[in-house]
Protein backbone atom coordinates (compact mmCIF):
# COMPACT_ATOMS: atom_id res chain seq x y z
CA MET A 1 49.61 -22.96 -6.28
CA THR A 2 47.95 -25.61 -4.10
CA ASP A 3 44.45 -27.07 -4.03
CA GLY A 4 43.96 -25.56 -0.60
CA ASN A 5 44.69 -22.09 -1.90
CA VAL A 6 42.34 -22.63 -4.86
CA ASP A 7 39.52 -23.79 -2.57
CA MET A 8 40.01 -20.86 -0.19
CA SER A 9 40.05 -18.34 -3.07
CA ARG A 10 36.93 -19.84 -4.55
CA ARG A 11 35.16 -19.83 -1.19
CA ALA A 12 36.14 -16.19 -0.70
CA PHE A 13 34.82 -15.28 -4.14
CA LEU A 14 31.55 -17.12 -3.61
CA GLY A 15 31.15 -15.52 -0.19
CA ALA A 16 31.61 -12.08 -1.69
CA ALA A 17 29.22 -12.89 -4.53
CA ALA A 18 26.56 -14.15 -2.13
CA GLY A 19 27.01 -11.08 0.02
CA GLY A 20 26.62 -8.81 -2.99
CA ALA A 21 23.48 -10.63 -4.09
CA ALA A 22 22.03 -10.35 -0.59
CA VAL A 23 22.74 -6.62 -0.49
CA ALA A 24 21.12 -6.17 -3.91
CA ALA A 25 18.04 -8.13 -2.82
CA THR A 26 17.77 -6.16 0.41
CA SER A 27 18.12 -2.87 -1.46
CA GLY A 28 15.32 -3.90 -3.80
CA THR A 29 13.03 -4.75 -0.88
CA ALA A 30 13.83 -1.54 0.98
CA ALA A 31 13.14 0.53 -2.12
CA ALA A 32 9.77 -1.13 -2.78
CA GLN A 33 7.92 1.52 -0.85
CA THR A 34 4.59 2.98 -1.89
CA GLU A 35 2.84 6.28 -1.39
CA GLU A 36 -0.51 6.54 0.38
CA PRO A 37 -2.59 9.65 1.12
CA ASP A 38 -1.78 11.39 4.38
CA PHE A 39 -5.14 11.54 6.14
CA GLY A 40 -3.61 13.49 9.01
CA GLY A 41 -4.18 10.78 11.62
CA HIS A 42 -7.93 10.75 10.97
CA LEU A 43 -7.93 6.98 10.36
CA ASP A 44 -5.25 5.99 12.87
CA GLY A 45 -6.29 2.98 14.94
CA ILE A 46 -9.67 2.46 13.30
CA ASP A 47 -10.93 -0.50 11.27
CA GLY A 48 -11.96 -0.53 7.64
CA GLY A 49 -8.64 -0.41 5.78
CA TYR A 50 -7.47 1.63 2.82
CA GLU A 51 -7.66 1.07 -0.94
CA ASP A 52 -6.16 2.88 -3.92
CA LEU A 53 -9.13 2.96 -6.31
CA ARG A 54 -7.81 5.42 -8.85
CA GLY A 55 -8.76 4.47 -12.38
CA GLN A 56 -12.29 3.50 -11.39
CA SER A 57 -15.21 5.77 -12.30
CA GLU A 58 -17.51 4.27 -9.66
CA VAL A 59 -16.61 3.15 -6.14
CA THR A 60 -18.72 1.54 -3.40
CA ILE A 61 -18.10 1.89 0.34
CA GLU A 62 -19.97 -0.27 2.86
CA VAL A 63 -21.68 1.50 5.74
CA GLY A 64 -21.97 -0.67 8.83
CA ALA A 65 -19.16 -3.09 7.97
CA GLU A 66 -17.68 -5.23 10.73
CA GLY A 67 -15.13 -3.35 12.79
CA ASN A 68 -14.51 -1.02 15.73
CA GLY A 69 -16.14 -3.42 18.19
CA GLY A 70 -19.24 -4.16 16.09
CA ALA A 71 -20.71 -3.35 12.68
CA LEU A 72 -19.36 0.16 13.11
CA ALA A 73 -16.98 0.71 10.22
CA PHE A 74 -16.86 2.11 6.72
CA SER A 75 -15.19 -0.36 4.37
CA PRO A 76 -12.85 0.67 2.96
CA ALA A 77 -12.49 3.49 5.46
CA GLY A 78 -9.88 5.29 3.36
CA VAL A 79 -9.88 5.52 -0.44
CA TRP A 80 -7.86 7.34 -3.09
CA ILE A 81 -9.86 8.21 -6.21
CA ASP A 82 -9.66 10.35 -9.34
CA THR A 83 -11.66 13.51 -9.81
CA GLY A 84 -14.97 12.74 -11.49
CA THR A 85 -15.40 9.48 -9.58
CA THR A 86 -18.82 8.71 -8.10
CA VAL A 87 -18.72 7.16 -4.64
CA THR A 88 -21.73 5.20 -3.41
CA TRP A 89 -22.09 4.48 0.29
CA GLU A 90 -24.26 1.37 0.73
CA TRP A 91 -25.78 0.38 4.07
CA THR A 92 -25.39 -3.22 5.26
CA GLY A 93 -28.26 -2.95 7.73
CA GLU A 94 -25.96 -3.85 10.62
CA GLY A 95 -24.87 -1.85 13.65
CA GLY A 96 -27.92 0.39 14.00
CA GLY A 97 -28.53 3.70 12.29
CA HIS A 98 -25.66 5.31 10.37
CA ASN A 99 -25.08 8.34 8.21
CA VAL A 100 -22.27 10.01 6.26
CA VAL A 101 -21.34 13.57 7.25
CA ALA A 102 -18.17 15.43 6.29
CA SER A 103 -16.05 17.20 8.89
CA GLU A 104 -13.59 18.56 6.30
CA GLY A 105 -13.45 18.83 2.52
CA ALA A 106 -16.36 18.00 0.20
CA SER A 107 -19.89 18.71 1.40
CA LEU A 108 -20.94 15.15 2.23
CA ASP A 109 -24.24 14.83 4.10
CA SER A 110 -26.51 11.81 3.75
CA GLY A 111 -29.04 13.25 6.20
CA ALA A 112 -30.48 11.52 9.26
CA ALA A 113 -29.08 8.17 10.36
CA VAL A 114 -30.78 5.16 8.78
CA SER A 115 -30.45 1.43 9.37
CA GLU A 116 -32.25 -0.14 6.41
CA ALA A 117 -30.06 -2.52 4.41
CA GLY A 118 -29.58 -1.45 0.80
CA SER A 119 -29.95 2.27 1.50
CA THR A 120 -27.46 4.30 -0.54
CA TYR A 121 -25.94 7.75 -0.73
CA GLU A 122 -24.00 8.96 -3.78
CA TYR A 123 -21.58 11.80 -4.30
CA THR A 124 -19.48 12.64 -7.35
CA PHE A 125 -16.13 14.22 -6.48
CA GLU A 126 -15.38 17.00 -8.98
CA GLU A 127 -12.32 19.21 -9.45
CA GLY A 128 -13.45 21.51 -6.65
CA ASP A 129 -13.33 18.56 -4.22
CA ALA A 130 -9.67 17.73 -4.93
CA GLY A 131 -7.67 17.05 -1.80
CA ILE A 132 -8.63 15.23 1.39
CA THR A 133 -12.21 14.85 2.61
CA LYS A 134 -12.77 13.49 6.11
CA TYR A 135 -16.16 12.20 7.23
CA HIS A 136 -17.86 10.23 9.99
CA CYS A 137 -21.06 8.58 11.16
CA VAL A 138 -22.61 11.05 13.63
CA PRO A 139 -24.09 8.46 16.06
CA HIS A 140 -20.88 6.38 16.14
CA GLU A 141 -18.10 8.92 15.62
CA ALA A 142 -16.79 8.42 19.14
CA LEU A 143 -16.58 4.65 18.51
CA GLY A 144 -14.28 5.10 15.50
CA MET A 145 -16.73 5.03 12.60
CA LEU A 146 -14.66 7.37 10.45
CA GLY A 147 -13.79 7.60 6.78
CA ALA A 148 -11.69 9.66 4.39
CA VAL A 149 -11.45 10.21 0.64
CA ALA A 150 -8.33 11.44 -1.16
CA VAL A 151 -9.23 12.99 -4.51
CA GLY A 152 -6.86 13.62 -7.41
CA GLY A 153 -3.09 13.47 -7.71
CA ASP A 154 -2.21 16.59 -5.75
CA VAL A 155 -2.73 15.27 -2.21
CA PRO A 156 -0.27 14.98 0.69
CA THR A 157 1.20 11.48 0.90
CA VAL A 158 3.23 9.31 3.24
CA SER A 159 5.62 6.49 2.40
CA THR A 160 4.71 2.99 3.46
CA GLY A 161 6.54 -0.32 3.36
CA GLY A 162 3.76 -2.11 1.53
CA GLY A 163 2.65 -3.83 4.77
CA GLY A 164 -0.23 -6.24 5.20
CA GLY A 165 -3.76 -5.64 6.34
CA PRO A 166 -6.73 -4.95 4.13
CA SER A 167 -5.03 -2.16 2.24
CA ARG A 168 -3.71 -2.86 -1.24
CA PRO A 169 -1.23 -0.19 -2.15
CA GLN A 170 0.03 -0.17 -5.72
CA VAL A 171 3.72 -0.74 -6.49
CA PRO A 172 5.21 2.20 -8.44
CA ASP A 173 6.84 1.52 -11.82
CA SER A 174 10.21 2.63 -10.40
CA ALA A 175 10.06 -0.13 -7.78
CA LYS A 176 9.14 -2.71 -10.43
CA SER A 177 12.08 -1.60 -12.58
CA LEU A 178 14.41 -1.85 -9.60
CA GLY A 179 13.19 -5.38 -8.93
CA VAL A 180 13.99 -6.42 -12.52
CA ALA A 181 17.44 -4.82 -12.28
CA THR A 182 18.10 -6.55 -8.95
CA THR A 183 17.14 -9.94 -10.39
CA PHE A 184 19.43 -9.40 -13.39
CA ALA A 185 22.33 -8.43 -11.09
CA MET A 186 21.86 -11.58 -8.99
CA ILE A 187 21.80 -13.82 -12.10
CA ALA A 188 24.93 -12.13 -13.47
CA THR A 189 26.73 -12.59 -10.15
CA LEU A 190 25.89 -16.29 -10.01
CA GLY A 191 27.01 -16.68 -13.64
CA LEU A 192 30.41 -15.19 -12.83
CA ALA A 193 30.69 -17.51 -9.84
CA TYR A 194 30.03 -20.54 -12.07
CA PHE A 195 32.59 -19.37 -14.63
CA PHE A 196 35.17 -18.87 -11.88
CA MET A 197 34.51 -22.32 -10.40
CA LYS A 198 34.70 -24.06 -13.77
CA TYR A 199 37.69 -22.33 -15.35
CA GLY A 200 39.65 -21.12 -12.37
CA GLY A 201 41.31 -17.73 -12.03
CA ASP A 202 44.45 -15.99 -10.90
CA TYR A 203 45.81 -17.21 -7.58
CA ASP A 204 48.83 -16.34 -5.53
CA VAL A 205 51.51 -18.99 -5.90
CA GLN A 206 52.88 -20.07 -2.54
CA ASP A 207 56.09 -22.06 -1.95
């Protein structure tokens, strides 16, 4: 057994250990996906963002928030709430007259468009409203002033990578558990590498 052989074996072991740790870390990242409501393309390409607001009994959405080329957005444009939640749409006073009218789902209708700051419209989403509700501002629908509300747990969803933007998707418990397991695996791998370096191992003896 020579020092050269020992060094090469140790380097090979450490390389394999590092590779395994990298794979574990990558697997943890790839698995950290979240579920968001599938709004059927209703909110594609529009401003306002999405928020998972389940667990809250009252939710506020701005009407006339900055976006879509002016103060022409609902913010957040997409929300996920529990049944029994009261949603209040509150006007910012920007972007002209706005209203809230449903095109699908719950019977949202705030009436004629208004522009006064502080104006509000409330709606409580009950069991009969479970699912996806899509709505818009009548005067600015063509400019992208759209919104959607997902109600309850039985809604169609899509997987996301937890990307940036104004949305704040929640990390499932399974992903958190996987992250803990991945961290433990990496620590264990590095511990074995240290033990191998310090106390040596079995090597092929060469003449």
